[in-house]
């Protein structure tokens, strides 16, 4: 079982940037698909972005496309989410998740049930 710990959240003004990092321990995530989800107050958890283990295949949801970038460093066992041009509607708790050993042929998982492990989340607040 992998342990995932997110960091980098905080309070930022609209238009600002934050970089979230998810550090994994307990096992390597080098063969896992890694995803980011977020949950705003009173709303359901929603998919944000994911990156396959090779790093060559990524997917970013439309609301954040062009503003958020997902990346990974398998040597450091980390995955990051660079968030630029933040908007108040990006305010949420952001969660990192791992889909163990996902075969490349299955594509990018975008549903929460497809992931095997979750971090505790890091809050992001964007003020207007």
Foldseek 3Di string as FASTA:
>chain_A
DKAKAKDFADEEAAQAKIKIKIAIDDDFQLQKKKFKWWDDPPGDIFTAKIAGSVQPDIDGDPVQPPFWDKGDDRVRRMIMIIGGRDDQVVWTWMKMFIQPRDDVVVPDDGDPVNTDDIYPTDTHGYHD
